[in-house]
Amino acid sequence: MKILVINCGSSSLKYQLIEMNTEEVMCQGLVERIGLADSVLTHKNPIGKKYVVNGKFTNHKEAINIVLETLLDKKYGVIQDINEIYAVGHRVVHGGEKYSNSVLIDDEVLCHLEECIKLAPIHNPPNITGIKACKELMPNTPMIAVFDTAFHQTMPQEAYIYPIEYSLYEKYGIRKYGFHGTSHKYVSQKLGEVLNRDIKDMKIISCHLGNGASICAIKDGKSIDTSMGFTPLAGIAMGTRCGNIDPSISTFLIEECGYTPEEASDSLNKKSGVLGISGVSSDFRDLEKSALEGNRRAKLALDIFYYRIRGQIAAYAAHMGGVDAIIFTAGIGENSSITRKSCLEGMDFLGIKIDDKWNDVRGEIVEISTEDSQVKVFVIPTNEELMIANETLEVLNNI
């Protein structure tokens, strides 16, 4: 049983074809620069051999069409008939308050996703475009929407309601939604498998640390709080995003610094975070190297990143009345031993102890805490595509 996972960005499209009986990735790829003259598809087979297609893919429909042609290609493809694809799972960033689970996409769902564009104006439009293109090219194949926000719909009101005029929540839906839900859900479930424990009996803090980063408190298998908010701009400092700041900074930039609203948003989303502090890079590998070479601002950027994460972990431990396990995942969390150790520095009061030998690992499932650590600390590589495929299959099995 094969499921195609699609993740559409504004000018890109990522995909994986997964054989669900074995959870084997049959192939994966990326289409970049959609809408430009020099579009390119990079397709990889299971052993990593690349097949590159250059051309001009005017829109997402053309991009998805070239993906399907590649899947069927006699030399590089992995299927003989498009009907071998049992279903398509679409990553959708924002489902608003309506969806706490993945759903079969019909006209009503599409209509609601379009209503959510105001909540995710950058992400939802390409997600919707990809869905419509797939429906047109594969009209008989079920399409499932898997939401980044759905996992966080279990947060209590005291966690997601902002202390602003309540009418703004009622009229415009201004509240905390949270993101990276698919990743947080996957790694918490994987932790349960590794420990052979029911996560419904655990208090877990999941740290998804990439260029975009968020922390999630998971109690009894449910998200009870997360660091990102109304948008992915909130929370800890990130690669280029500022994270939590005094909201009056936005109006100050506009009224006193002469920024337009668009320029202020661009500054806080794309020019802030560790890039803005360091002036070096948003890539943590560059920052670590620069800090070791004595760059004061690079070190400051990293220290702020670690400081914010420690504060969030401590806060969530307080909210849950303790913590049984901490997970590090995503690009930085999976690969940077320096980051993991620094994020937990000085947290002995929670009973956290790191084993430096086990912490010297990249991209593997491993416990990095000592035997006498009261809190288990794990590195667990995320697999959002497999989670999307599993959610897709679950929806279809329940119809």
Protein backbone atom coordinates (compact mmCIF):
# COMPACT_ATOMS: atom_id res chain seq x y z
CA MET A 1 0.00 0.00 0.00
CA LYS A 2 1.69 3.18 -1.23
CA ILE A 3 1.01 6.69 0.05
CA LEU A 4 2.36 9.84 -1.56
CA VAL A 5 3.20 12.63 0.87
CA ILE A 6 3.13 16.17 -0.52
CA ASN A 7 4.44 19.33 1.15
CA CYS A 8 3.92 22.45 -0.96
CA GLY A 9 5.73 25.71 -0.28
CA SER A 10 5.22 28.98 -2.13
CA SER A 11 7.76 28.06 -4.83
CA SER A 12 8.73 24.53 -3.87
CA LEU A 13 7.30 21.06 -3.47
CA LYS A 14 8.70 18.21 -1.38
CA TYR A 15 7.45 14.67 -1.80
CA GLN A 16 7.96 11.10 -0.61
CA LEU A 17 6.38 7.86 -1.76
CA ILE A 18 6.14 5.43 1.15
CA GLU A 19 5.29 1.73 1.09
CA MET A 20 3.19 1.51 4.23
CA ASN A 21 3.47 -2.25 4.71
CA THR A 22 7.19 -1.83 5.45
CA GLU A 23 7.36 1.98 6.03
CA GLU A 24 10.04 2.02 3.30
CA VAL A 25 10.65 5.31 1.50
CA MET A 26 10.48 4.21 -2.13
CA CYS A 27 11.66 7.59 -3.39
CA GLN A 28 11.73 11.23 -2.41
CA GLY A 29 12.36 14.54 -4.08
CA LEU A 30 12.15 18.28 -4.23
CA VAL A 31 10.90 20.66 -6.92
CA GLU A 32 12.40 24.14 -6.55
CA ARG A 33 11.86 27.54 -8.17
CA ILE A 34 8.30 26.82 -9.32
CA GLY A 35 7.10 29.67 -11.53
CA LEU A 36 10.59 30.64 -12.66
CA ALA A 37 12.42 29.84 -15.87
CA ASP A 38 15.05 27.69 -14.17
CA SER A 39 12.82 25.27 -12.23
CA VAL A 40 14.44 22.02 -11.16
CA LEU A 41 13.30 18.66 -9.82
CA THR A 42 15.74 16.54 -7.82
CA HIS A 43 14.52 12.97 -7.40
CA LYS A 44 16.25 10.34 -5.23
CA ASN A 45 15.73 6.60 -5.24
CA PRO A 46 16.07 4.45 -2.07
CA ILE A 47 19.86 4.19 -2.41
CA GLY A 48 20.21 7.96 -2.83
CA LYS A 49 20.90 8.06 -6.57
CA LYS A 50 19.80 11.40 -8.01
CA TYR A 51 17.78 12.13 -11.11
CA VAL A 52 17.55 15.82 -12.05
CA VAL A 53 14.96 17.43 -14.35
CA ASN A 54 15.50 21.04 -15.42
CA GLY A 55 12.76 23.08 -17.04
CA LYS A 56 10.12 25.70 -16.45
CA PHE A 57 7.32 24.53 -14.17
CA THR A 58 4.91 27.44 -14.33
CA ASN A 59 2.73 26.40 -11.39
CA HIS A 60 2.22 23.67 -8.80
CA LYS A 61 0.03 21.64 -11.14
CA GLU A 62 2.91 21.38 -13.61
CA ALA A 63 5.30 20.57 -10.76
CA ILE A 64 3.08 17.77 -9.45
CA ASN A 65 2.61 16.49 -12.98
CA ILE A 66 6.39 16.19 -13.47
CA VAL A 67 6.60 14.42 -10.09
CA LEU A 68 4.00 11.87 -11.21
CA GLU A 69 5.78 11.41 -14.54
CA THR A 70 9.03 10.79 -12.65
CA LEU A 71 7.38 8.23 -10.39
CA LEU A 72 6.25 6.42 -13.54
CA ASP A 73 9.52 6.81 -15.46
CA LYS A 74 10.75 3.44 -16.79
CA LYS A 75 14.34 4.12 -15.74
CA TYR A 76 14.04 6.21 -12.56
CA GLY A 77 10.47 5.58 -11.44
CA VAL A 78 9.22 3.19 -8.77
CA ILE A 79 5.65 2.45 -9.90
CA GLN A 80 4.08 1.27 -13.15
CA ASP A 81 0.61 2.74 -12.76
CA ILE A 82 -0.62 5.88 -11.02
CA ASN A 83 -3.41 3.81 -9.44
CA GLU A 84 -0.76 2.11 -7.29
CA ILE A 85 -0.87 5.25 -5.15
CA TYR A 86 -3.49 4.45 -2.53
CA ALA A 87 -3.83 8.02 -1.22
CA VAL A 88 -2.08 11.39 -0.99
CA GLY A 89 -1.30 12.95 2.39
CA HIS A 90 -0.93 16.74 2.28
CA ARG A 91 0.89 18.76 4.89
CA VAL A 92 -1.34 21.73 5.73
CA VAL A 93 0.09 24.31 8.09
CA HIS A 94 -3.10 25.77 9.55
CA GLY A 95 -6.47 24.18 10.25
CA GLY A 96 -7.70 26.80 12.70
CA GLU A 97 -9.85 25.64 15.62
CA LYS A 98 -12.03 23.36 13.52
CA TYR A 99 -9.64 20.46 13.04
CA SER A 100 -8.07 18.51 15.88
CA ASN A 101 -7.38 15.53 13.62
CA SER A 102 -6.45 14.82 10.01
CA VAL A 103 -9.40 14.74 7.58
CA LEU A 104 -10.47 13.53 4.16
CA ILE A 105 -10.46 16.56 1.87
CA ASP A 106 -13.75 17.49 0.25
CA ASP A 107 -15.19 20.81 -0.96
CA GLU A 108 -16.24 21.80 2.56
CA VAL A 109 -12.74 21.17 3.93
CA LEU A 110 -11.18 23.15 1.07
CA CYS A 111 -13.53 26.03 1.79
CA HIS A 112 -12.46 26.06 5.44
CA LEU A 113 -8.78 25.92 4.51
CA GLU A 114 -9.30 29.00 2.36
CA GLU A 115 -10.91 30.73 5.35
CA CYS A 116 -7.72 29.95 7.30
CA ILE A 117 -5.56 31.81 4.78
CA LYS A 118 -5.87 34.93 6.95
CA LEU A 119 -4.23 32.95 9.78
CA ALA A 120 -1.41 31.55 7.60
CA PRO A 121 -1.14 33.81 4.53
CA ILE A 122 2.32 32.51 3.56
CA HIS A 123 1.77 28.78 4.07
CA ASN A 124 -1.87 27.86 3.45
CA PRO A 125 -2.19 29.19 -0.15
CA PRO A 126 0.51 26.88 -1.59
CA ASN A 127 -0.84 24.00 0.52
CA ILE A 128 -4.27 24.54 -1.03
CA THR A 129 -2.80 24.94 -4.51
CA GLY A 130 -1.06 21.59 -4.16
CA ILE A 131 -4.26 19.89 -3.01
CA LYS A 132 -6.26 21.26 -5.95
CA ALA A 133 -3.55 20.26 -8.42
CA CYS A 134 -3.45 16.70 -7.07
CA LYS A 135 -7.24 16.41 -7.11
CA GLU A 136 -7.27 17.49 -10.77
CA LEU A 137 -4.47 15.12 -11.81
CA MET A 138 -5.60 12.21 -9.58
CA PRO A 139 -9.39 12.63 -9.31
CA ASN A 140 -10.03 9.09 -8.02
CA THR A 141 -7.32 9.11 -5.34
CA PRO A 142 -8.30 10.07 -1.76
CA MET A 143 -6.64 13.26 -0.47
CA ILE A 144 -6.02 13.73 3.26
CA ALA A 145 -5.11 16.99 5.04
CA VAL A 146 -2.67 16.61 7.94
CA PHE A 147 -2.41 19.81 9.99
CA ASP A 148 0.60 21.28 11.80
CA THR A 149 -1.84 22.83 14.26
CA ALA A 150 -4.06 19.80 15.00
CA PHE A 151 -1.92 18.19 17.72
CA HIS A 152 -2.09 21.39 19.78
CA GLN A 153 -5.89 21.59 19.81
CA THR A 154 -5.82 19.78 23.17
CA MET A 155 -4.27 22.82 24.90
CA PRO A 156 -6.43 24.18 27.74
CA GLN A 157 -7.85 27.68 27.43
CA GLU A 158 -5.41 29.13 29.95
CA ALA A 159 -2.61 28.09 27.58
CA TYR A 160 -4.06 29.32 24.29
CA ILE A 161 -6.12 32.41 25.16
CA TYR A 162 -4.11 35.64 25.00
CA PRO A 163 -4.69 38.34 27.65
CA ILE A 164 -6.11 40.80 25.11
CA GLU A 165 -9.69 41.91 24.41
CA TYR A 166 -11.67 38.66 24.41
CA SER A 167 -13.74 39.91 21.48
CA LEU A 168 -10.63 39.69 19.28
CA TYR A 169 -10.56 35.96 19.90
CA GLU A 170 -14.28 35.59 19.32
CA LYS A 171 -14.37 37.68 16.13
CA TYR A 172 -10.98 37.03 14.52
CA GLY A 173 -9.71 33.84 16.14
CA ILE A 174 -6.65 35.53 17.65
CA ARG A 175 -5.20 32.90 20.00
CA LYS A 176 -2.24 30.56 20.32
CA TYR A 177 -2.38 27.75 17.76
CA GLY A 178 1.12 26.29 17.80
CA PHE A 179 2.96 24.57 14.98
CA HIS A 180 5.32 21.62 14.33
CA GLY A 181 2.53 19.46 15.75
CA THR A 182 3.21 16.58 13.36
CA SER A 183 6.84 16.44 14.50
CA HIS A 184 6.05 16.71 18.23
CA LYS A 185 3.43 13.98 17.90
CA TYR A 186 5.79 11.68 16.00
CA VAL A 187 8.75 11.91 18.37
CA SER A 188 6.61 11.55 21.49
CA GLN A 189 5.01 8.39 20.10
CA LYS A 190 8.44 7.08 19.07
CA LEU A 191 9.67 7.69 22.63
CA GLY A 192 6.87 5.49 23.92
CA GLU A 193 7.94 2.72 21.52
CA VAL A 194 11.59 3.01 22.56
CA LEU A 195 10.79 2.89 26.27
CA ASN A 196 7.95 0.39 25.83
CA ARG A 197 5.77 2.73 27.87
CA ASP A 198 2.37 4.27 27.32
CA ILE A 199 2.98 8.00 26.84
CA LYS A 200 -0.43 8.61 28.39
CA ASP A 201 1.35 8.01 31.68
CA MET A 202 4.26 10.36 30.94
CA LYS A 203 5.22 14.04 31.10
CA ILE A 204 7.33 14.87 28.05
CA ILE A 205 8.99 18.03 26.75
CA SER A 206 9.74 17.91 23.03
CA CYS A 207 12.33 20.33 21.61
CA HIS A 208 12.00 20.71 17.82
CA LEU A 209 15.11 22.74 17.07
CA GLY A 210 15.71 23.73 13.47
CA ASN A 211 15.85 27.07 11.71
CA GLY A 212 12.29 27.31 12.94
CA ALA A 213 12.06 25.98 16.49
CA SER A 214 9.40 25.21 19.05
CA ILE A 215 9.08 23.50 22.42
CA CYS A 216 6.03 21.43 23.37
CA ALA A 217 4.74 20.19 26.72
CA ILE A 218 3.08 16.78 26.30
CA LYS A 219 1.15 15.35 29.23
CA ASP A 220 -0.83 12.11 29.09
CA GLY A 221 -0.05 11.91 25.36
CA LYS A 222 -1.57 15.33 24.62
CA SER A 223 -0.11 18.74 23.89
CA ILE A 224 -0.91 21.04 26.80
CA ASP A 225 1.26 23.98 25.70
CA THR A 226 3.73 24.96 23.01
CA SER A 227 6.02 27.90 22.41
CA MET A 228 4.85 29.06 18.96
CA GLY A 229 1.68 31.07 19.02
CA PHE A 230 -0.80 32.82 16.71
CA THR A 231 1.95 32.53 14.11
CA PRO A 232 5.30 30.68 13.96
CA LEU A 233 7.02 33.96 14.93
CA ALA A 234 6.36 33.48 18.66
CA GLY A 235 8.35 31.48 21.17
CA ILE A 236 12.09 31.00 21.50
CA ALA A 237 14.65 32.86 19.37
CA MET A 238 15.12 31.05 16.05
CA GLY A 239 17.30 31.21 12.95
CA THR A 240 15.78 34.42 11.58
CA ARG A 241 12.64 34.85 13.75
CA CYS A 242 12.71 36.97 16.89
CA GLY A 243 10.51 34.77 19.08
CA ASN A 244 8.77 36.40 22.05
CA ILE A 245 9.46 40.14 22.30
CA ASP A 246 7.61 43.18 23.62
CA PRO A 247 4.82 43.64 21.03
CA SER A 248 5.30 47.40 21.19
CA ILE A 249 8.56 46.93 19.29
CA SER A 250 6.47 46.45 16.14
CA THR A 251 4.73 49.80 16.52
CA PHE A 252 8.02 51.46 17.50
CA LEU A 253 9.63 50.22 14.28
CA ILE A 254 6.74 51.71 12.30
CA GLU A 255 6.23 54.98 14.17
CA GLU A 256 9.79 55.86 15.18
CA CYS A 257 12.08 53.99 12.77
CA GLY A 258 10.06 54.65 9.62
CA TYR A 259 9.36 51.02 8.77
CA THR A 260 6.25 50.09 6.81
CA PRO A 261 4.17 47.28 8.38
CA GLU A 262 5.56 44.93 5.74
CA GLU A 263 9.14 45.96 6.52
CA ALA A 264 8.56 45.50 10.25
CA SER A 265 7.16 42.02 9.65
CA ASP A 266 10.05 41.19 7.33
CA SER A 267 12.57 42.34 9.94
CA LEU A 268 11.08 40.26 12.75
CA ASN A 269 10.54 37.16 10.60
CA LYS A 270 13.57 37.14 8.31
CA LYS A 271 16.29 39.36 9.78
CA SER A 272 16.08 38.70 13.51
CA GLY A 273 16.79 35.66 15.71
CA VAL A 274 20.37 34.42 15.84
CA LEU A 275 21.05 35.95 12.42
CA GLY A 276 20.05 39.40 13.64
CA ILE A 277 22.06 39.13 16.85
CA SER A 278 25.21 37.61 15.37
CA GLY A 279 25.32 39.32 12.00
CA VAL A 280 26.98 36.09 10.86
CA SER A 281 24.41 33.49 9.82
CA SER A 282 21.18 31.72 10.68
CA ASP A 283 23.04 28.41 10.31
CA PHE A 284 24.01 27.13 13.74
CA ARG A 285 27.05 25.33 12.35
CA ASP A 286 28.44 28.68 11.22
CA LEU A 287 27.58 30.24 14.59
CA GLU A 288 29.27 27.51 16.62
CA LYS A 289 32.42 27.81 14.48
CA SER A 290 32.43 31.60 14.70
CA ALA A 291 31.85 31.56 18.48
CA LEU A 292 34.76 29.15 18.97
CA GLU A 293 36.92 31.55 16.95
CA GLY A 294 36.09 34.32 19.41
CA ASN A 295 33.19 36.14 17.73
CA ARG A 296 31.42 37.77 20.68
CA ARG A 297 28.09 38.35 18.92
CA ALA A 298 27.95 34.79 17.60
CA LYS A 299 28.43 33.53 21.15
CA LEU A 300 25.78 35.96 22.41
CA ALA A 301 23.31 34.71 19.80
CA LEU A 302 23.86 31.11 20.90
CA ASP A 303 23.65 32.03 24.59
CA ILE A 304 20.29 33.75 24.02
CA PHE A 305 19.03 30.70 22.09
CA TYR A 306 20.04 28.34 24.92
CA TYR A 307 18.71 30.72 27.61
CA ARG A 308 15.27 30.88 26.03
CA ILE A 309 15.08 27.11 25.67
CA ARG A 310 16.09 26.50 29.29
CA GLY A 311 13.41 28.92 30.46
CA GLN A 312 10.77 27.19 28.35
CA ILE A 313 11.75 23.73 29.60
CA ALA A 314 11.60 24.90 33.22
CA ALA A 315 8.22 26.55 32.65
CA TYR A 316 6.72 23.44 31.11
CA ALA A 317 8.10 21.26 33.91
CA ALA A 318 6.26 23.58 36.31
CA HIS A 319 3.03 23.45 34.28
CA MET A 320 3.08 19.64 34.22
CA GLY A 321 4.25 19.18 37.81
CA GLY A 322 7.49 17.58 36.70
CA VAL A 323 8.99 15.97 33.62
CA ASP A 324 9.81 12.33 32.84
CA ALA A 325 11.60 12.80 29.51
CA ILE A 326 13.02 15.48 27.23
CA ILE A 327 13.35 14.92 23.48
CA PHE A 328 15.66 16.76 21.08
CA THR A 329 14.72 16.58 17.41
CA ALA A 330 14.95 18.36 14.02
CA GLY A 331 18.14 19.58 12.33
CA ILE A 332 19.86 21.24 15.27
CA GLY A 333 18.36 19.07 18.00
CA GLU A 334 19.38 15.88 16.22
CA ASN A 335 22.87 16.94 15.17
CA SER A 336 24.36 19.46 17.60
CA SER A 337 25.78 17.96 20.79
CA ILE A 338 26.84 21.47 21.85
CA THR A 339 23.27 22.72 21.61
CA ARG A 340 21.80 19.81 23.57
CA LYS A 341 24.31 20.11 26.40
CA SER A 342 24.06 23.91 26.55
CA CYS A 343 20.25 23.87 26.59
CA LEU A 344 20.30 21.69 29.72
CA GLU A 345 23.21 23.39 31.47
CA GLY A 346 22.45 24.32 35.08
CA MET A 347 19.25 22.25 35.17
CA ASP A 348 20.50 19.77 37.76
CA PHE A 349 17.69 20.97 40.05
CA LEU A 350 15.30 19.05 37.78
CA GLY A 351 17.46 15.94 38.12
CA ILE A 352 18.81 16.17 34.57
CA LYS A 353 22.26 14.69 33.96
CA ILE A 354 23.83 14.33 30.51
CA ASP A 355 26.35 11.67 29.52
CA ASP A 356 28.91 13.42 27.30
CA LYS A 357 29.87 10.18 25.57
CA TRP A 358 26.32 9.31 24.55
CA ASN A 359 25.60 12.95 23.68
CA ASP A 360 28.30 12.79 21.00
CA VAL A 361 25.82 11.53 18.40
CA ARG A 362 24.17 12.78 15.22
CA GLY A 363 20.81 11.76 13.80
CA GLU A 364 20.28 8.55 15.77
CA ILE A 365 17.76 7.46 18.37
CA VAL A 366 19.75 7.36 21.58
CA GLU A 367 19.36 8.16 25.26
CA ILE A 368 21.94 10.80 26.21
CA SER A 369 21.19 11.03 29.93
CA THR A 370 23.15 9.19 32.60
CA GLU A 371 21.82 6.09 34.34
CA ASP A 372 21.13 8.05 37.53
CA SER A 373 19.43 10.98 35.75
CA GLN A 374 15.92 11.46 37.14
CA VAL A 375 14.81 12.75 33.72
CA LYS A 376 15.48 10.69 30.62
CA VAL A 377 16.88 12.72 27.72
CA PHE A 378 16.66 11.37 24.18
CA VAL A 379 17.71 12.31 20.68
CA ILE A 380 14.95 11.14 18.32
CA PRO A 381 15.13 12.07 14.62
CA THR A 382 11.78 13.36 13.44
CA ASN A 383 9.96 11.91 10.45
CA GLU A 384 7.07 14.19 9.61
CA GLU A 385 6.53 12.52 6.23
CA LEU A 386 5.99 9.11 7.83
CA MET A 387 3.69 10.69 10.42
CA ILE A 388 1.66 12.28 7.61
CA ALA A 389 1.48 8.93 5.82
CA ASN A 390 0.37 7.16 9.02
CA GLU A 391 -2.27 9.82 9.69
CA THR A 392 -3.48 9.46 6.09
CA LEU A 393 -3.85 5.72 6.48
CA GLU A 394 -5.63 6.10 9.81
CA VAL A 395 -8.22 8.48 8.34
CA LEU A 396 -8.96 6.09 5.48
CA ASN A 397 -9.20 3.09 7.83
CA ASN A 398 -11.79 4.95 9.92
CA ILE A 399 -14.04 5.95 7.05
